[in-house]
Amino acid sequence: MWMQVVGKVALAQAPPLNHSWAIAMQVTSRGLSTRTLPYGDRTFSIEFDFIDHHLAIRASDGQARSLALRPQTVADFYREVMAELGSMGLAVKIWPMPVEVSSPTRFDLDTVHRSYDPASANRWWRIVSQAARVFAQSQCQFVGKFSPVHFFWGAFDLAVTRFSGRPAPPREGPAFMREAYSHEVISHGFWPGSGLILEPAFYAYAVPEPPGLKEAQIRPQGAYYHRELGEFILPYEAVRRAASPDQEILGFIDSTYDRAATLAGWDRTALARKM
């Protein structure tokens, strides 16, 4: 919920880049941060520091604020962040309602969620940071359009997406989702578990999904197609226990991309780096 508060500040201020890329967070050497956000002729950013456990707000005029990440309610965190932004001359108005969660409670009224475990937060961020490193490596041989490796605070997943360059059939759903899948994509990511998958896992999917993908043989052993989700899943535990976690993730990304792109008829030659 704290990340949604900060994410909605980015949503209010960031230019509307395609596929909502401007509002996603970036993995940093200390945690997760917004992109540089415009505010008149100034700019600012907000970073979650999961090493020293504080929220850093930094503006281009040299002003900076640091708020401790500690057990407190979502309502208190929301009020504190909004107050600090206002004191820096960066007053931002956001819609204080969480998204992509069941039974949402307005940020300013949420006095139920109040936990913060520094050790767990740091451990989770270190997993995300290592995944981001491998995801970036996986893109090096692809020369088509692809997204940054970034963190979506609504679904709470780290993601990277490749595009074929062709429009996709119109999709049902909210406007941001229709725009996100306006073109053919193959996406890979990691999330800590929720809904149908309670354990941490890496995922892969194609939109639109080509016929035959459900039955495709992929690597590594332990990865499988989850029919309810419509995605390939590689449990984090299988990666953690592997002799080479990097190769386990890269094998998953390479094989799912290979099968999905081939079955969907992507121009593999044009999209691959010439050796």
C-alpha atoms as a PDB file:
ATOM      1  CA  MET A   1       0.000   0.000   0.000  1.00  0.00           C
ATOM      2  CA  TRP A   2       2.898   2.386   0.694  1.00  0.00           C
ATOM      3  CA  MET A   3       4.233   1.725  -2.803  1.00  0.00           C
ATOM      4  CA  GLN A   4       0.806   2.451  -4.242  1.00  0.00           C
ATOM      5  CA  VAL A   5       0.804   5.838  -2.499  1.00  0.00           C
ATOM      6  CA  VAL A   6       4.146   6.708  -4.098  1.00  0.00           C
ATOM      7  CA  GLY A   7       3.161   5.108  -7.392  1.00  0.00           C
ATOM      8  CA  LYS A   8       0.070   7.268  -7.595  1.00  0.00           C
ATOM      9  CA  VAL A   9       2.234  10.363  -7.131  1.00  0.00           C
ATOM     10  CA  ALA A  10       4.122   9.223 -10.239  1.00  0.00           C
ATOM     11  CA  LEU A  11       0.803   8.591 -11.984  1.00  0.00           C
ATOM     12  CA  ALA A  12      -0.256  12.169 -11.237  1.00  0.00           C
ATOM     13  CA  GLN A  13       2.995  13.774 -12.425  1.00  0.00           C
ATOM     14  CA  ALA A  14       4.643  11.592 -15.063  1.00  0.00           C
ATOM     15  CA  PRO A  15       4.112  12.168 -18.793  1.00  0.00           C
ATOM     16  CA  PRO A  16       1.843   9.484 -20.289  1.00  0.00           C
ATOM     17  CA  LEU A  17       4.447   7.246 -21.936  1.00  0.00           C
ATOM     18  CA  ASN A  18       3.133   4.228 -23.799  1.00  0.00           C
ATOM     19  CA  HIS A  19       2.213   1.092 -21.857  1.00  0.00           C
ATOM     20  CA  SER A  20       2.326   3.000 -18.513  1.00  0.00           C
ATOM     21  CA  TRP A  21       6.137   2.831 -18.499  1.00  0.00           C
ATOM     22  CA  ALA A  22       6.533   6.273 -16.912  1.00  0.00           C
ATOM     23  CA  ILE A  23       4.740   5.317 -13.708  1.00  0.00           C
ATOM     24  CA  ALA A  24       6.560   2.039 -13.090  1.00  0.00           C
ATOM     25  CA  MET A  25       9.353   2.008 -10.513  1.00  0.00           C
ATOM     26  CA  GLN A  26      12.997   1.373 -11.277  1.00  0.00           C
ATOM     27  CA  VAL A  27      15.292  -0.977  -9.348  1.00  0.00           C
ATOM     28  CA  THR A  28      18.168   0.980  -7.790  1.00  0.00           C
ATOM     29  CA  SER A  29      21.293   0.051  -5.841  1.00  0.00           C
ATOM     30  CA  ARG A  30      19.362   0.672  -2.608  1.00  0.00           C
ATOM     31  CA  GLY A  31      15.735  -0.163  -3.379  1.00  0.00           C
ATOM     32  CA  LEU A  32      13.029   1.037  -5.756  1.00  0.00           C
ATOM     33  CA  SER A  33      12.475   4.518  -7.109  1.00  0.00           C
ATOM     34  CA  THR A  34      10.128   6.489  -9.287  1.00  0.00           C
ATOM     35  CA  ARG A  35      11.542   7.911 -12.476  1.00  0.00           C
ATOM     36  CA  THR A  36      12.475  11.577 -12.421  1.00  0.00           C
ATOM     37  CA  LEU A  37       9.095  13.333 -12.201  1.00  0.00           C
ATOM     38  CA  PRO A  38       8.352  16.832 -13.542  1.00  0.00           C
ATOM     39  CA  TYR A  39       6.822  19.556 -11.361  1.00  0.00           C
ATOM     40  CA  GLY A  40       6.666  22.850 -13.244  1.00  0.00           C
ATOM     41  CA  ASP A  41      10.270  23.724 -14.082  1.00  0.00           C
ATOM     42  CA  ARG A  42      11.545  21.467 -11.273  1.00  0.00           C
ATOM     43  CA  THR A  43      11.890  17.704 -11.035  1.00  0.00           C
ATOM     44  CA  PHE A  44      11.836  15.248  -8.157  1.00  0.00           C
ATOM     45  CA  SER A  45      12.006  11.543  -7.358  1.00  0.00           C
ATOM     46  CA  ILE A  46      10.900   9.300  -4.506  1.00  0.00           C
ATOM     47  CA  GLU A  47      12.952   6.247  -3.537  1.00  0.00           C
ATOM     48  CA  PHE A  48      12.306   3.393  -1.129  1.00  0.00           C
ATOM     49  CA  ASP A  49      15.673   2.632   0.478  1.00  0.00           C
ATOM     50  CA  PHE A  50      15.587  -0.961   1.731  1.00  0.00           C
ATOM     51  CA  ILE A  51      19.122  -0.849   3.150  1.00  0.00           C
ATOM     52  CA  ASP A  52      18.765   2.059   5.578  1.00  0.00           C
ATOM     53  CA  HIS A  53      14.959   1.742   5.514  1.00  0.00           C
ATOM     54  CA  HIS A  54      13.770   5.189   4.694  1.00  0.00           C
ATOM     55  CA  LEU A  55      11.801   6.951   1.981  1.00  0.00           C
ATOM     56  CA  ALA A  56      13.917   9.592   0.240  1.00  0.00           C
ATOM     57  CA  ILE A  57      12.278  12.513  -1.561  1.00  0.00           C
ATOM     58  CA  ARG A  58      14.773  14.535  -3.609  1.00  0.00           C
ATOM     59  CA  ALA A  59      14.101  17.639  -5.710  1.00  0.00           C
ATOM     60  CA  SER A  60      16.210  19.275  -8.417  1.00  0.00           C
ATOM     61  CA  ASP A  61      16.516  22.491  -6.385  1.00  0.00           C
ATOM     62  CA  GLY A  62      18.469  20.638  -3.695  1.00  0.00           C
ATOM     63  CA  GLN A  63      15.639  20.069  -1.229  1.00  0.00           C
ATOM     64  CA  ALA A  64      15.450  16.595   0.287  1.00  0.00           C
ATOM     65  CA  ARG A  65      13.393  14.810   2.895  1.00  0.00           C
ATOM     66  CA  SER A  66      13.873  11.408   4.540  1.00  0.00           C
ATOM     67  CA  LEU A  67      11.021   9.499   6.175  1.00  0.00           C
ATOM     68  CA  ALA A  68      11.719   6.378   8.237  1.00  0.00           C
ATOM     69  CA  LEU A  69      10.213   3.138   6.991  1.00  0.00           C
ATOM     70  CA  ARG A  70       8.800   1.756  10.215  1.00  0.00           C
ATOM     71  CA  PRO A  71       5.637   0.026  11.429  1.00  0.00           C
ATOM     72  CA  GLN A  72       2.822   2.534  10.905  1.00  0.00           C
ATOM     73  CA  THR A  73      -0.619   2.570   9.322  1.00  0.00           C
ATOM     74  CA  VAL A  74      -1.174   3.233   5.646  1.00  0.00           C
ATOM     75  CA  ALA A  75      -3.182   6.311   6.695  1.00  0.00           C
ATOM     76  CA  ASP A  76      -0.236   7.707   8.666  1.00  0.00           C
ATOM     77  CA  PHE A  77       2.213   6.983   5.842  1.00  0.00           C
ATOM     78  CA  TYR A  78      -0.102   8.650   3.313  1.00  0.00           C
ATOM     79  CA  ARG A  79      -0.482  11.782   5.433  1.00  0.00           C
ATOM     80  CA  GLU A  80       3.260  11.960   6.125  1.00  0.00           C
ATOM     81  CA  VAL A  81       4.238  11.670   2.453  1.00  0.00           C
ATOM     82  CA  MET A  82       1.660  14.201   1.308  1.00  0.00           C
ATOM     83  CA  ALA A  83       2.715  16.639   4.037  1.00  0.00           C
ATOM     84  CA  GLU A  84       6.409  16.382   3.158  1.00  0.00           C
ATOM     85  CA  LEU A  85       5.717  16.892  -0.537  1.00  0.00           C
ATOM     86  CA  GLY A  86       3.654  19.961   0.342  1.00  0.00           C
ATOM     87  CA  SER A  87       6.436  21.366   2.526  1.00  0.00           C
ATOM     88  CA  MET A  88       8.816  21.087  -0.438  1.00  0.00           C
ATOM     89  CA  GLY A  89       6.457  22.985  -2.704  1.00  0.00           C
ATOM     90  CA  LEU A  90       5.547  19.743  -4.482  1.00  0.00           C
ATOM     91  CA  ALA A  91       1.887  19.451  -3.539  1.00  0.00           C
ATOM     92  CA  VAL A  92       0.341  16.568  -5.485  1.00  0.00           C
ATOM     93  CA  LYS A  93      -3.274  15.431  -5.484  1.00  0.00           C
ATOM     94  CA  ILE A  94      -3.885  11.713  -5.987  1.00  0.00           C
ATOM     95  CA  TRP A  95      -6.912   9.423  -5.979  1.00  0.00           C
ATOM     96  CA  PRO A  96      -6.423   7.729  -2.568  1.00  0.00           C
ATOM     97  CA  MET A  97      -7.910   4.363  -3.536  1.00  0.00           C
ATOM     98  CA  PRO A  98      -5.696   1.285  -4.004  1.00  0.00           C
ATOM     99  CA  VAL A  99      -5.897  -0.581  -7.304  1.00  0.00           C
ATOM    100  CA  GLU A 100      -5.534  -4.217  -8.343  1.00  0.00           C
ATOM    101  CA  VAL A 101      -6.373  -5.512  -4.854  1.00  0.00           C
ATOM    102  CA  SER A 102      -9.520  -7.089  -3.464  1.00  0.00           C
ATOM    103  CA  SER A 103     -11.613  -5.124  -0.948  1.00  0.00           C
ATOM    104  CA  PRO A 104      -9.564  -1.890  -1.207  1.00  0.00           C
ATOM    105  CA  THR A 105      -9.570   0.685   1.593  1.00  0.00           C
ATOM    106  CA  ARG A 106      -8.766   4.343   0.930  1.00  0.00           C
ATOM    107  CA  PHE A 107      -5.227   5.220   1.974  1.00  0.00           C
ATOM    108  CA  ASP A 108      -6.399   7.961   4.324  1.00  0.00           C
ATOM    109  CA  LEU A 109      -8.810   5.565   6.064  1.00  0.00           C
ATOM    110  CA  ASP A 110      -6.612   2.445   6.233  1.00  0.00           C
ATOM    111  CA  THR A 111      -5.638   1.956   9.880  1.00  0.00           C
ATOM    112  CA  VAL A 112      -5.559  -1.853   9.566  1.00  0.00           C
ATOM    113  CA  HIS A 113      -2.382  -2.411   7.552  1.00  0.00           C
ATOM    114  CA  ARG A 114       0.492  -1.255   9.739  1.00  0.00           C
ATOM    115  CA  SER A 115       3.351  -3.771   9.561  1.00  0.00           C
ATOM    116  CA  TYR A 116       6.900  -3.302   8.295  1.00  0.00           C
ATOM    117  CA  ASP A 117       9.588  -5.972   8.682  1.00  0.00           C
ATOM    118  CA  PRO A 118      12.971  -4.519   7.643  1.00  0.00           C
ATOM    119  CA  ALA A 119      14.685  -7.896   7.252  1.00  0.00           C
ATOM    120  CA  SER A 120      11.927  -9.265   5.014  1.00  0.00           C
ATOM    121  CA  ALA A 121      11.734  -6.066   2.980  1.00  0.00           C
ATOM    122  CA  ASN A 122      15.489  -6.142   2.395  1.00  0.00           C
ATOM    123  CA  ARG A 123      15.464  -9.818   1.466  1.00  0.00           C
ATOM    124  CA  TRP A 124      12.604  -9.317  -1.013  1.00  0.00           C
ATOM    125  CA  TRP A 125      14.350  -6.337  -2.620  1.00  0.00           C
ATOM    126  CA  ARG A 126      17.596  -8.298  -2.998  1.00  0.00           C
ATOM    127  CA  ILE A 127      15.701 -11.045  -4.833  1.00  0.00           C
ATOM    128  CA  VAL A 128      14.085  -8.433  -7.091  1.00  0.00           C
ATOM    129  CA  SER A 129      17.465  -6.784  -7.684  1.00  0.00           C
ATOM    130  CA  GLN A 130      19.088 -10.058  -8.740  1.00  0.00           C
ATOM    131  CA  ALA A 131      16.123 -10.888 -10.985  1.00  0.00           C
ATOM    132  CA  ALA A 132      16.378  -7.445 -12.610  1.00  0.00           C
ATOM    133  CA  ARG A 133      20.055  -8.048 -13.371  1.00  0.00           C
ATOM    134  CA  VAL A 134      19.287 -11.333 -15.140  1.00  0.00           C
ATOM    135  CA  PHE A 135      16.263  -9.887 -16.957  1.00  0.00           C
ATOM    136  CA  ALA A 136      18.430  -7.098 -18.388  1.00  0.00           C
ATOM    137  CA  GLN A 137      20.996  -9.654 -19.552  1.00  0.00           C
ATOM    138  CA  SER A 138      18.266 -11.681 -21.278  1.00  0.00           C
ATOM    139  CA  GLN A 139      17.365  -8.752 -23.558  1.00  0.00           C
ATOM    140  CA  CYS A 140      20.797  -8.287 -25.103  1.00  0.00           C
ATOM    141  CA  GLN A 141      20.184 -10.431 -28.204  1.00  0.00           C
ATOM    142  CA  PHE A 142      16.763  -8.886 -28.942  1.00  0.00           C
ATOM    143  CA  VAL A 143      16.842  -5.771 -31.147  1.00  0.00           C
ATOM    144  CA  GLY A 144      13.122  -5.118 -31.442  1.00  0.00           C
ATOM    145  CA  LYS A 145      11.135  -2.834 -29.159  1.00  0.00           C
ATOM    146  CA  PHE A 146      11.264  -3.902 -25.528  1.00  0.00           C
ATOM    147  CA  SER A 147      10.384  -2.335 -22.216  1.00  0.00           C
ATOM    148  CA  PRO A 148      12.779  -1.353 -19.462  1.00  0.00           C
ATOM    149  CA  VAL A 149      13.100  -3.822 -16.614  1.00  0.00           C
ATOM    150  CA  HIS A 150      10.702  -2.171 -14.193  1.00  0.00           C
ATOM    151  CA  PHE A 151       8.433  -2.749 -11.219  1.00  0.00           C
ATOM    152  CA  PHE A 152       4.660  -2.315 -11.443  1.00  0.00           C
ATOM    153  CA  TRP A 153       3.367  -1.295  -8.019  1.00  0.00           C
ATOM    154  CA  GLY A 154      -0.241  -2.304  -8.733  1.00  0.00           C
ATOM    155  CA  ALA A 155       0.317  -5.980  -9.474  1.00  0.00           C
ATOM    156  CA  PHE A 156       3.567  -5.857  -7.419  1.00  0.00           C
ATOM    157  CA  ASP A 157       5.678  -7.551 -10.069  1.00  0.00           C
ATOM    158  CA  LEU A 158       9.011  -6.979 -11.765  1.00  0.00           C
ATOM    159  CA  ALA A 159       8.532  -7.230 -15.525  1.00  0.00           C
ATOM    160  CA  VAL A 160      10.220  -6.945 -18.902  1.00  0.00           C
ATOM    161  CA  THR A 161       8.349  -7.180 -22.201  1.00  0.00           C
ATOM    162  CA  ARG A 162       9.274  -7.804 -25.847  1.00  0.00           C
ATOM    163  CA  PHE A 163       7.152  -6.622 -28.786  1.00  0.00           C
ATOM    164  CA  SER A 164       6.767  -8.127 -32.257  1.00  0.00           C
ATOM    165  CA  GLY A 165       5.927  -4.734 -33.775  1.00  0.00           C
ATOM    166  CA  ARG A 166       2.470  -5.861 -34.895  1.00  0.00           C
ATOM    167  CA  PRO A 167      -0.849  -4.593 -33.472  1.00  0.00           C
ATOM    168  CA  ALA A 168      -2.775  -7.030 -31.298  1.00  0.00           C
ATOM    169  CA  PRO A 169      -6.539  -7.658 -31.439  1.00  0.00           C
ATOM    170  CA  PRO A 170      -8.499  -5.208 -29.222  1.00  0.00           C
ATOM    171  CA  ARG A 171      -8.611  -6.314 -25.588  1.00  0.00           C
ATOM    172  CA  GLU A 172     -11.392  -5.974 -23.025  1.00  0.00           C
ATOM    173  CA  GLY A 173     -10.793  -4.282 -19.674  1.00  0.00           C
ATOM    174  CA  PRO A 174      -9.809  -0.883 -18.275  1.00  0.00           C
ATOM    175  CA  ALA A 175      -8.146   1.686 -20.514  1.00  0.00           C
ATOM    176  CA  PHE A 176      -4.634   1.152 -19.112  1.00  0.00           C
ATOM    177  CA  MET A 177      -4.898  -2.585 -19.775  1.00  0.00           C
ATOM    178  CA  ARG A 178      -6.171  -2.094 -23.330  1.00  0.00           C
ATOM    179  CA  GLU A 179      -3.289   0.257 -24.048  1.00  0.00           C
ATOM    180  CA  ALA A 180      -0.730  -2.028 -22.396  1.00  0.00           C
ATOM    181  CA  TYR A 181      -1.690  -4.868 -24.752  1.00  0.00           C
ATOM    182  CA  SER A 182      -2.322  -2.807 -27.882  1.00  0.00           C
ATOM    183  CA  HIS A 183       0.507  -4.695 -29.614  1.00  0.00           C
ATOM    184  CA  GLU A 184       1.698  -8.294 -29.554  1.00  0.00           C
ATOM    185  CA  VAL A 185       3.884  -8.992 -26.535  1.00  0.00           C
ATOM    186  CA  ILE A 186       5.841 -11.708 -24.802  1.00  0.00           C
ATOM    187  CA  SER A 187       6.421 -10.807 -21.157  1.00  0.00           C
ATOM    188  CA  HIS A 188       8.577 -12.212 -18.386  1.00  0.00           C
ATOM    189  CA  GLY A 189       8.581 -11.283 -14.736  1.00  0.00           C
ATOM    190  CA  PHE A 190       8.763 -12.125 -11.069  1.00  0.00           C
ATOM    191  CA  TRP A 191       6.304 -11.598  -8.255  1.00  0.00           C
ATOM    192  CA  PRO A 192       6.275 -12.648  -4.599  1.00  0.00           C
ATOM    193  CA  GLY A 193       3.055 -14.624  -4.801  1.00  0.00           C
ATOM    194  CA  SER A 194      -0.653 -13.876  -4.547  1.00  0.00           C
ATOM    195  CA  GLY A 195      -4.005 -15.071  -5.799  1.00  0.00           C
ATOM    196  CA  LEU A 196      -3.735 -18.358  -7.692  1.00  0.00           C
ATOM    197  CA  ILE A 197       0.024 -18.638  -7.047  1.00  0.00           C
ATOM    198  CA  LEU A 198       0.829 -18.204  -3.367  1.00  0.00           C
ATOM    199  CA  GLU A 199       4.549 -18.906  -3.689  1.00  0.00           C
ATOM    200  CA  PRO A 200       7.137 -16.553  -5.225  1.00  0.00           C
ATOM    201  CA  ALA A 201       7.568 -17.354  -8.906  1.00  0.00           C
ATOM    202  CA  PHE A 202       8.885 -16.247 -12.270  1.00  0.00           C
ATOM    203  CA  TYR A 203       6.318 -16.071 -15.055  1.00  0.00           C
ATOM    204  CA  ALA A 204       6.059 -15.871 -18.840  1.00  0.00           C
ATOM    205  CA  TYR A 205       3.112 -15.233 -21.126  1.00  0.00           C
ATOM    206  CA  ALA A 206       2.219 -14.106 -24.635  1.00  0.00           C
ATOM    207  CA  VAL A 207      -0.620 -11.789 -25.679  1.00  0.00           C
ATOM    208  CA  PRO A 208      -2.342 -12.886 -27.785  1.00  0.00           C
ATOM    209  CA  GLU A 209      -1.485 -16.460 -26.864  1.00  0.00           C
ATOM    210  CA  PRO A 210      -0.739 -18.482 -30.019  1.00  0.00           C
ATOM    211  CA  PRO A 211      -2.343 -21.920 -30.508  1.00  0.00           C
ATOM    212  CA  GLY A 212      -0.212 -24.728 -29.146  1.00  0.00           C
ATOM    213  CA  LEU A 213       1.634 -22.681 -26.525  1.00  0.00           C
ATOM    214  CA  LYS A 214      -0.045 -24.473 -23.622  1.00  0.00           C
ATOM    215  CA  GLU A 215       1.533 -27.747 -24.732  1.00  0.00           C
ATOM    216  CA  ALA A 216       4.988 -26.351 -25.524  1.00  0.00           C
ATOM    217  CA  GLN A 217       8.056 -27.962 -24.005  1.00  0.00           C
ATOM    218  CA  ILE A 218      10.100 -25.413 -22.070  1.00  0.00           C
ATOM    219  CA  ARG A 219      13.099 -25.260 -19.754  1.00  0.00           C
ATOM    220  CA  PRO A 220      14.097 -25.779 -16.998  1.00  0.00           C
ATOM    221  CA  GLN A 221      12.675 -28.833 -15.329  1.00  0.00           C
ATOM    222  CA  GLY A 222      10.157 -27.637 -12.763  1.00  0.00           C
ATOM    223  CA  ALA A 223       8.616 -24.959 -14.970  1.00  0.00           C
ATOM    224  CA  TYR A 224       5.021 -25.580 -16.057  1.00  0.00           C
ATOM    225  CA  TYR A 225       2.002 -23.999 -17.731  1.00  0.00           C
ATOM    226  CA  HIS A 226      -0.651 -22.768 -15.281  1.00  0.00           C
ATOM    227  CA  ARG A 227      -3.924 -23.097 -17.155  1.00  0.00           C
ATOM    228  CA  GLU A 228      -5.988 -20.877 -14.867  1.00  0.00           C
ATOM    229  CA  LEU A 229      -3.485 -18.029 -15.132  1.00  0.00           C
ATOM    230  CA  GLY A 230      -2.663 -18.637 -18.769  1.00  0.00           C
ATOM    231  CA  GLU A 231       1.045 -18.287 -17.975  1.00  0.00           C
ATOM    232  CA  PHE A 232       4.188 -20.383 -17.633  1.00  0.00           C
ATOM    233  CA  ILE A 233       5.428 -20.546 -14.050  1.00  0.00           C
ATOM    234  CA  LEU A 234       8.894 -21.230 -12.651  1.00  0.00           C
ATOM    235  CA  PRO A 235       8.802 -21.443  -8.837  1.00  0.00           C
ATOM    236  CA  TYR A 236      11.378 -19.262  -7.094  1.00  0.00           C
ATOM    237  CA  GLU A 237      12.334 -22.164  -4.853  1.00  0.00           C
ATOM    238  CA  ALA A 238      13.494 -24.164  -7.898  1.00  0.00           C
ATOM    239  CA  VAL A 239      15.710 -21.236  -8.918  1.00  0.00           C
ATOM    240  CA  ARG A 240      17.054 -20.709  -5.397  1.00  0.00           C
ATOM    241  CA  ARG A 241      18.137 -24.338  -5.127  1.00  0.00           C
ATOM    242  CA  ALA A 242      19.669 -24.570  -8.623  1.00  0.00           C
ATOM    243  CA  ALA A 243      23.424 -24.904  -9.151  1.00  0.00           C
ATOM    244  CA  SER A 244      23.247 -21.769 -11.351  1.00  0.00           C
ATOM    245  CA  PRO A 245      20.203 -19.603 -10.599  1.00  0.00           C
ATOM    246  CA  ASP A 246      21.114 -17.237 -13.467  1.00  0.00           C
ATOM    247  CA  GLN A 247      21.097 -20.037 -16.012  1.00  0.00           C
ATOM    248  CA  GLU A 248      17.842 -21.381 -14.594  1.00  0.00           C
ATOM    249  CA  ILE A 249      16.114 -18.029 -15.185  1.00  0.00           C
ATOM    250  CA  LEU A 250      17.745 -17.464 -18.583  1.00  0.00           C
ATOM    251  CA  GLY A 251      16.716 -20.944 -19.713  1.00  0.00           C
ATOM    252  CA  PHE A 252      13.145 -20.190 -18.721  1.00  0.00           C
ATOM    253  CA  ILE A 253      13.132 -16.825 -20.534  1.00  0.00           C
ATOM    254  CA  ASP A 254      14.857 -18.119 -23.675  1.00  0.00           C
ATOM    255  CA  SER A 255      12.730 -21.234 -24.058  1.00  0.00           C
ATOM    256  CA  THR A 256       9.376 -19.532 -23.425  1.00  0.00           C
ATOM    257  CA  TYR A 257      10.275 -16.706 -25.811  1.00  0.00           C
ATOM    258  CA  ASP A 258      11.444 -19.199 -28.439  1.00  0.00           C
ATOM    259  CA  ARG A 259       8.239 -21.236 -28.280  1.00  0.00           C
ATOM    260  CA  ALA A 260       5.845 -18.277 -28.061  1.00  0.00           C
ATOM    261  CA  ALA A 261       7.527 -16.216 -30.797  1.00  0.00           C
ATOM    262  CA  THR A 262       7.827 -19.175 -33.151  1.00  0.00           C
ATOM    263  CA  LEU A 263       4.225 -20.280 -32.683  1.00  0.00           C
ATOM    264  CA  ALA A 264       2.999 -16.693 -33.088  1.00  0.00           C
ATOM    265  CA  GLY A 265       4.972 -16.207 -36.301  1.00  0.00           C
ATOM    266  CA  TRP A 266       7.211 -13.371 -35.106  1.00  0.00           C
ATOM    267  CA  ASP A 267       9.980 -12.374 -37.521  1.00  0.00           C
ATOM    268  CA  ARG A 268      12.696 -13.977 -35.459  1.00  0.00           C
ATOM    269  CA  THR A 269      15.488 -13.105 -37.913  1.00  0.00           C
ATOM    270  CA  ALA A 270      14.672  -9.393 -37.968  1.00  0.00           C
ATOM    271  CA  LEU A 271      14.298  -9.241 -34.166  1.00  0.00           C
ATOM    272  CA  ALA A 272      17.583 -11.001 -33.332  1.00  0.00           C
ATOM    273  CA  ARG A 273      20.991  -9.336 -33.020  1.00  0.00           C
ATOM    274  CA  LYS A 274      23.308 -10.315 -35.881  1.00  0.00           C
ATOM    275  CA  MET A 275      26.369 -12.084 -34.477  1.00  0.00           C
END
